PDB file of N, CA and C in Angstrom:
ATOM      1  N   MET A   1     -14.585  26.157   0.658  1.00  0.00           N
ATOM      2  CA  MET A   1     -14.056  27.690   1.696  1.00  0.00           C
ATOM      3  C   MET A   1     -13.751  28.314   0.603  1.00  0.00           C
ATOM      4  N   LYS A   2     -14.462  29.660   1.040  1.00  0.00           N
ATOM      5  CA  LYS A   2     -14.265  31.206  -0.269  1.00  0.00           C
ATOM      6  C   LYS A   2     -13.154  31.955   0.548  1.00  0.00           C
ATOM      7  N   LYS A   3     -12.604  32.855  -0.745  1.00  0.00           N
ATOM      8  CA  LYS A   3     -11.129  32.946  -0.640  1.00  0.00           C
ATOM      9  C   LYS A   3     -11.359  34.147   0.474  1.00  0.00           C
ATOM     10  N   GLU A   4     -11.936  34.644   0.339  1.00  0.00           N
ATOM     11  CA  GLU A   4     -11.669  35.277   2.537  1.00  0.00           C
ATOM     12  C   GLU A   4     -11.228  34.389   3.043  1.00  0.00           C
ATOM     13  N   ASP A   5     -11.843  33.220   3.791  1.00  0.00           N
ATOM     14  CA  ASP A   5     -11.869  32.725   4.908  1.00  0.00           C
ATOM     15  C   ASP A   5     -10.826  32.159   4.928  1.00  0.00           C
ATOM     16  N   ILE A   6      -9.084  31.712   3.633  1.00  0.00           N
ATOM     17  CA  ILE A   6      -8.798  31.263   2.986  1.00  0.00           C
ATOM     18  C   ILE A   6      -7.519  31.678   3.657  1.00  0.00           C
ATOM     19  N   LYS A   7      -7.084  33.005   3.181  1.00  0.00           N
ATOM     20  CA  LYS A   7      -6.567  34.146   4.029  1.00  0.00           C
ATOM     21  C   LYS A   7      -6.484  35.156   4.900  1.00  0.00           C
ATOM     22  N   GLU A   8      -7.120  34.561   5.498  1.00  0.00           N
ATOM     23  CA  GLU A   8      -7.267  34.685   7.394  1.00  0.00           C
ATOM     24  C   GLU A   8      -6.477  33.240   8.009  1.00  0.00           C
ATOM     25  N   LEU A   9      -6.575  32.475   7.317  1.00  0.00           N
ATOM     26  CA  LEU A   9      -5.491  31.796   7.459  1.00  0.00           C
ATOM     27  C   LEU A   9      -4.652  31.898   7.554  1.00  0.00           C
ATOM     28  N   THR A  10      -3.254  31.004   8.767  1.00  0.00           N
ATOM     29  CA  THR A  10      -2.039  30.924   8.901  1.00  0.00           C
ATOM     30  C   THR A  10      -1.886  30.497   7.581  1.00  0.00           C
ATOM     31  N   THR A  11      -0.419  29.941   7.789  1.00  0.00           N
ATOM     32  CA  THR A  11       0.085  29.626   6.801  1.00  0.00           C
ATOM     33  C   THR A  11       0.098  27.558   7.052  1.00  0.00           C
ATOM     34  N   GLU A  12       0.449  27.781   7.911  1.00  0.00           N
ATOM     35  CA  GLU A  12       0.631  26.370   9.186  1.00  0.00           C
ATOM     36  C   GLU A  12      -1.110  25.509   8.619  1.00  0.00           C
ATOM     37  N   GLU A  13      -1.806  26.221   8.885  1.00  0.00           N
ATOM     38  CA  GLU A  13      -3.527  26.066   9.236  1.00  0.00           C
ATOM     39  C   GLU A  13      -3.568  25.927   7.911  1.00  0.00           C
ATOM     40  N   LEU A  14      -3.443  26.026   6.561  1.00  0.00           N
ATOM     41  CA  LEU A  14      -3.856  26.356   5.414  1.00  0.00           C
ATOM     42  C   LEU A  14      -3.114  24.945   5.091  1.00  0.00           C
ATOM     43  N   SER A  15      -1.814  24.968   5.191  1.00  0.00           N
ATOM     44  CA  SER A  15      -1.089  23.262   5.290  1.00  0.00           C
ATOM     45  C   SER A  15      -2.430  22.197   5.845  1.00  0.00           C
ATOM     46  N   LEU A  16      -2.757  22.140   6.741  1.00  0.00           N
ATOM     47  CA  LEU A  16      -3.295  21.593   7.634  1.00  0.00           C
ATOM     48  C   LEU A  16      -4.677  21.567   7.001  1.00  0.00           C
ATOM     49  N   ARG A  17      -5.283  22.394   6.653  1.00  0.00           N
ATOM     50  CA  ARG A  17      -6.606  22.517   6.376  1.00  0.00           C
ATOM     51  C   ARG A  17      -6.900  21.637   4.708  1.00  0.00           C
ATOM     52  N   LEU A  18      -4.989  21.348   4.018  1.00  0.00           N
ATOM     53  CA  LEU A  18      -4.719  21.144   2.461  1.00  0.00           C
ATOM     54  C   LEU A  18      -4.530  19.763   2.888  1.00  0.00           C
ATOM     55  N   ASN A  19      -4.454  19.469   3.681  1.00  0.00           N
ATOM     56  CA  ASN A  19      -4.384  17.233   4.262  1.00  0.00           C
ATOM     57  C   ASN A  19      -5.548  17.361   4.280  1.00  0.00           C
ATOM     58  N   GLU A  20      -6.521  17.493   5.764  1.00  0.00           N
ATOM     59  CA  GLU A  20      -8.142  17.217   5.316  1.00  0.00           C
ATOM     60  C   GLU A  20      -8.579  17.355   3.892  1.00  0.00           C
ATOM     61  N   GLU A  21      -8.121  18.607   3.639  1.00  0.00           N
ATOM     62  CA  GLU A  21      -9.432  18.562   1.616  1.00  0.00           C
ATOM     63  C   GLU A  21      -8.658  17.657   0.723  1.00  0.00           C
ATOM     64  N   ARG A  22      -7.681  17.116   1.830  1.00  0.00           N
ATOM     65  CA  ARG A  22      -7.494  15.971   0.145  1.00  0.00           C
ATOM     66  C   ARG A  22      -7.907  14.833   0.965  1.00  0.00           C
ATOM     67  N   ASP A  23      -8.051  14.634   2.485  1.00  0.00           N
ATOM     68  CA  ASP A  23      -7.389  13.205   2.638  1.00  0.00           C
ATOM     69  C   ASP A  23      -9.506  12.729   1.947  1.00  0.00           C
ATOM     70  N   GLN A  24     -10.040  13.627   2.739  1.00  0.00           N
ATOM     71  CA  GLN A  24     -11.944  14.208   2.159  1.00  0.00           C
ATOM     72  C   GLN A  24     -12.289  13.941   0.776  1.00  0.00           C
ATOM     73  N   TYR A  25     -11.202  14.328  -0.331  1.00  0.00           N
ATOM     74  CA  TYR A  25     -11.552  14.649  -0.839  1.00  0.00           C
ATOM     75  C   TYR A  25     -11.308  12.646  -2.030  1.00  0.00           C
ATOM     76  N   VAL A  26      -9.978  12.070  -1.251  1.00  0.00           N
ATOM     77  CA  VAL A  26      -9.934  11.584  -1.310  1.00  0.00           C
ATOM     78  C   VAL A  26     -11.076   9.886  -1.360  1.00  0.00           C
ATOM     79  N   LYS A  27     -12.028   9.939  -0.112  1.00  0.00           N
ATOM     80  CA  LYS A  27     -12.719   9.519   0.272  1.00  0.00           C
ATOM     81  C   LYS A  27     -14.014   8.782  -0.228  1.00  0.00           C
ATOM     82  N   MET A  28     -13.961  10.406  -0.388  1.00  0.00           N
ATOM     83  CA  MET A  28     -15.372  11.474  -1.564  1.00  0.00           C
ATOM     84  C   MET A  28     -15.332  10.433  -2.399  1.00  0.00           C
ATOM     85  N   LYS A  29     -13.954  10.384  -2.960  1.00  0.00           N
ATOM     86  CA  LYS A  29     -14.100  10.153  -4.735  1.00  0.00           C
ATOM     87  C   LYS A  29     -13.754   7.949  -5.146  1.00  0.00           C
ATOM     88  N   MET A  30     -13.930   6.914  -3.047  1.00  0.00           N
ATOM     89  CA  MET A  30     -13.883   6.080  -2.852  1.00  0.00           C
ATOM     90  C   MET A  30     -15.281   6.098  -3.018  1.00  0.00           C
ATOM     91  N   ASN A  31     -15.996   7.018  -2.407  1.00  0.00           N
ATOM     92  CA  ASN A  31     -16.939   6.406  -1.913  1.00  0.00           C
ATOM     93  C   ASN A  31     -18.293   6.503  -3.620  1.00  0.00           C
ATOM     94  N   HIS A  32     -17.462   7.177  -4.168  1.00  0.00           N
ATOM     95  CA  HIS A  32     -18.473   7.294  -5.550  1.00  0.00           C
ATOM     96  C   HIS A  32     -18.311   6.666  -6.976  1.00  0.00           C
ATOM     97  N   THR A  33     -17.013   5.913  -6.006  1.00  0.00           N
ATOM     98  CA  THR A  33     -16.678   5.199  -7.173  1.00  0.00           C
ATOM     99  C   THR A  33     -17.833   3.700  -6.734  1.00  0.00           C
ATOM    100  N   ILE A  34     -17.917   3.480  -5.450  1.00  0.00           N
ATOM    101  CA  ILE A  34     -18.445   2.408  -5.025  1.00  0.00           C
ATOM    102  C   ILE A  34     -19.882   2.589  -4.919  1.00  0.00           C
ATOM    103  N   SER A  35     -20.942   3.572  -5.085  1.00  0.00           N
ATOM    104  CA  SER A  35     -22.375   3.837  -4.928  1.00  0.00           C
ATOM    105  C   SER A  35     -22.041   5.284  -5.584  1.00  0.00           C
ATOM    106  N   PRO A  36     -22.891   5.432  -6.733  1.00  0.00           N
ATOM    107  CA  PRO A  36     -22.844   6.893  -6.490  1.00  0.00           C
ATOM    108  C   PRO A  36     -23.721   7.613  -5.592  1.00  0.00           C
ATOM    109  N   MET A  37     -23.095   8.755  -6.163  1.00  0.00           N
ATOM    110  CA  MET A  37     -23.442   9.602  -4.596  1.00  0.00           C
ATOM    111  C   MET A  37     -24.060  10.768  -5.223  1.00  0.00           C
ATOM    112  N   ASP A  38     -25.489  10.897  -4.529  1.00  0.00           N
ATOM    113  CA  ASP A  38     -26.842  11.785  -5.200  1.00  0.00           C
ATOM    114  C   ASP A  38     -26.056  13.495  -5.549  1.00  0.00           C
ATOM    115  N   ASN A  39     -25.363  13.613  -5.525  1.00  0.00           N
ATOM    116  CA  ASN A  39     -25.352  14.823  -5.593  1.00  0.00           C
ATOM    117  C   ASN A  39     -23.052  15.303  -5.702  1.00  0.00           C
ATOM    118  N   PRO A  40     -23.015  14.439  -7.290  1.00  0.00           N
ATOM    119  CA  PRO A  40     -20.940  14.852  -7.550  1.00  0.00           C
ATOM    120  C   PRO A  40     -20.815  16.141  -7.958  1.00  0.00           C
ATOM    121  N   MET A  41     -21.959  17.429  -8.005  1.00  0.00           N
ATOM    122  CA  MET A  41     -21.332  18.157  -7.797  1.00  0.00           C
ATOM    123  C   MET A  41     -20.545  18.827  -6.510  1.00  0.00           C
ATOM    124  N   LYS A  42     -20.259  18.413  -5.559  1.00  0.00           N
ATOM    125  CA  LYS A  42     -20.237  18.263  -4.213  1.00  0.00           C
ATOM    126  C   LYS A  42     -17.951  18.319  -4.194  1.00  0.00           C
ATOM    127  N   MET A  43     -18.101  16.732  -5.450  1.00  0.00           N
ATOM    128  CA  MET A  43     -16.204  16.322  -5.627  1.00  0.00           C
ATOM    129  C   MET A  43     -16.086  17.966  -6.614  1.00  0.00           C
ATOM    130  N   ARG A  44     -16.706  18.344  -7.558  1.00  0.00           N
ATOM    131  CA  ARG A  44     -15.904  19.095  -7.329  1.00  0.00           C
ATOM    132  C   ARG A  44     -15.628  20.603  -7.258  1.00  0.00           C
ATOM    133  N   ASP A  45     -16.390  20.706  -5.836  1.00  0.00           N
ATOM    134  CA  ASP A  45     -16.265  22.144  -5.481  1.00  0.00           C
ATOM    135  C   ASP A  45     -15.157  21.794  -4.374  1.00  0.00           C
ATOM    136  N   LYS A  46     -14.659  20.332  -4.146  1.00  0.00           N
ATOM    137  CA  LYS A  46     -13.609  20.283  -3.144  1.00  0.00           C
ATOM    138  C   LYS A  46     -12.318  19.985  -3.080  1.00  0.00           C
ATOM    139  N   ARG A  47     -12.466  19.364  -4.793  1.00  0.00           N
ATOM    140  CA  ARG A  47     -10.944  20.180  -6.266  1.00  0.00           C
ATOM    141  C   ARG A  47     -10.669  21.018  -5.814  1.00  0.00           C
ATOM    142  N   ARG A  48     -12.460  22.372  -6.438  1.00  0.00           N
ATOM    143  CA  ARG A  48     -11.845  24.493  -6.900  1.00  0.00           C
ATOM    144  C   ARG A  48     -10.923  24.433  -4.953  1.00  0.00           C
ATOM    145  N   GLY A  49     -11.553  24.280  -3.887  1.00  0.00           N
ATOM    146  CA  GLY A  49     -10.867  24.214  -2.608  1.00  0.00           C
ATOM    147  C   GLY A  49     -10.081  23.792  -2.456  1.00  0.00           C
ATOM    148  N   ILE A  50      -9.303  22.368  -3.011  1.00  0.00           N
ATOM    149  CA  ILE A  50      -8.226  22.542  -2.070  1.00  0.00           C
ATOM    150  C   ILE A  50      -7.360  22.754  -3.471  1.00  0.00           C
ATOM    151  N   ALA A  51      -7.529  23.346  -4.561  1.00  0.00           N
ATOM    152  CA  ALA A  51      -6.653  24.119  -6.008  1.00  0.00           C
ATOM    153  C   ALA A  51      -7.068  25.904  -5.386  1.00  0.00           C
ATOM    154  N   ARG A  52      -7.630  25.802  -4.106  1.00  0.00           N
ATOM    155  CA  ARG A  52      -8.174  27.859  -3.560  1.00  0.00           C
ATOM    156  C   ARG A  52      -6.815  27.899  -2.870  1.00  0.00           C
ATOM    157  N   ILE A  53      -6.709  26.942  -2.500  1.00  0.00           N
ATOM    158  CA  ILE A  53      -6.022  26.568  -1.233  1.00  0.00           C
ATOM    159  C   ILE A  53      -4.849  27.089  -1.519  1.00  0.00           C
ATOM    160  N   GLN A  54      -4.330  25.843  -2.115  1.00  0.00           N
ATOM    161  CA  GLN A  54      -2.994  25.619  -3.060  1.00  0.00           C
ATOM    162  C   GLN A  54      -2.483  26.877  -4.324  1.00  0.00           C
ATOM    163  N   THR A  55      -3.462  27.796  -4.029  1.00  0.00           N
ATOM    164  CA  THR A  55      -2.867  28.632  -4.956  1.00  0.00           C
ATOM    165  C   THR A  55      -1.997  29.909  -3.823  1.00  0.00           C
ATOM    166  N   GLU A  56      -3.089  29.968  -2.402  1.00  0.00           N
ATOM    167  CA  GLU A  56      -3.067  30.978  -1.661  1.00  0.00           C
ATOM    168  C   GLU A  56      -1.623  30.679  -1.015  1.00  0.00           C
ATOM    169  N   LEU A  57      -0.860  29.417  -0.555  1.00  0.00           N
ATOM    170  CA  LEU A  57       0.327  28.427  -0.410  1.00  0.00           C
ATOM    171  C   LEU A  57       1.770  29.432  -1.472  1.00  0.00           C
ATOM    172  N   THR A  58       1.389  28.839  -2.727  1.00  0.00           N
ATOM    173  CA  THR A  58       1.702  29.040  -3.397  1.00  0.00           C
ATOM    174  C   THR A  58       2.199  31.104  -3.577  1.00  0.00           C
ATOM    175  N   LYS A  59       1.508  31.927  -4.020  1.00  0.00           N
ATOM    176  CA  LYS A  59       1.359  33.038  -3.149  1.00  0.00           C
ATOM    177  C   LYS A  59       1.805  33.268  -1.757  1.00  0.00           C
ATOM    178  N   ARG A  60       1.755  32.325  -0.771  1.00  0.00           N
ATOM    179  CA  ARG A  60       2.780  33.406   0.483  1.00  0.00           C
ATOM    180  C   ARG A  60       4.120  33.113   0.206  1.00  0.00           C
ATOM    181  N   LYS A  61       4.285  31.938  -0.117  1.00  0.00           N
ATOM    182  CA  LYS A  61       6.253  30.773  -0.580  1.00  0.00           C
ATOM    183  C   LYS A  61       6.274  32.136  -1.297  1.00  0.00           C
ATOM    184  N   LYS A  62       5.473  32.463  -2.440  1.00  0.00           N
ATOM    185  CA  LYS A  62       6.199  34.521  -3.708  1.00  0.00           C
ATOM    186  C   LYS A  62       6.289  34.888  -3.714  1.00  0.00           C
ATOM    187  N   GLU A  63       6.016  35.675  -1.730  1.00  0.00           N
ATOM    188  CA  GLU A  63       5.987  36.716  -1.925  1.00  0.00           C
ATOM    189  C   GLU A  63       6.969  37.289  -0.546  1.00  0.00           C
ATOM    190  N   ALA A  64       7.176  35.738  -0.157  1.00  0.00           N
ATOM    191  CA  ALA A  64       8.571  35.519   1.421  1.00  0.00           C
ATOM    192  C   ALA A  64       9.585  35.513   0.676  1.00  0.00           C
ATOM    193  N   LEU A  65       9.758  34.546  -0.409  1.00  0.00           N
ATOM    194  CA  LEU A  65      10.564  35.031  -1.132  1.00  0.00           C
ATOM    195  C   LEU A  65      11.324  36.282  -2.033  1.00  0.00           C
ATOM    196  N   THR A  66      10.636  36.541  -2.252  1.00  0.00           N
ATOM    197  CA  THR A  66      10.950  38.793  -2.921  1.00  0.00           C
ATOM    198  C   THR A  66      10.874  39.547  -1.523  1.00  0.00           C
ATOM    199  N   ASN A  67      10.200  39.142  -0.574  1.00  0.00           N
ATOM    200  CA  ASN A  67      10.542  40.093   1.013  1.00  0.00           C
ATOM    201  C   ASN A  67      11.865  39.596   1.762  1.00  0.00           C
ATOM    202  N   SER A  68      12.037  38.265   1.189  1.00  0.00           N
ATOM    203  CA  SER A  68      14.175  38.518   2.381  1.00  0.00           C
ATOM    204  C   SER A  68      14.538  39.004   1.534  1.00  0.00           C
TER     205      SER A  68
END
């Protein structure tokens, strides 16, 4: 997921997306343990996407605190 896409989503949508991405990552990791994936770089991309979402959520929380 790209930064531009993440910034367009609302905070609630980001929270839901974060939970979905985490669930997908756990399933992907489990499947890779059982039988190796063709392209393990997908796991890295998923982790980075999760980190981008978390970063945006943290940024929004900090902005909300400074604006109130």
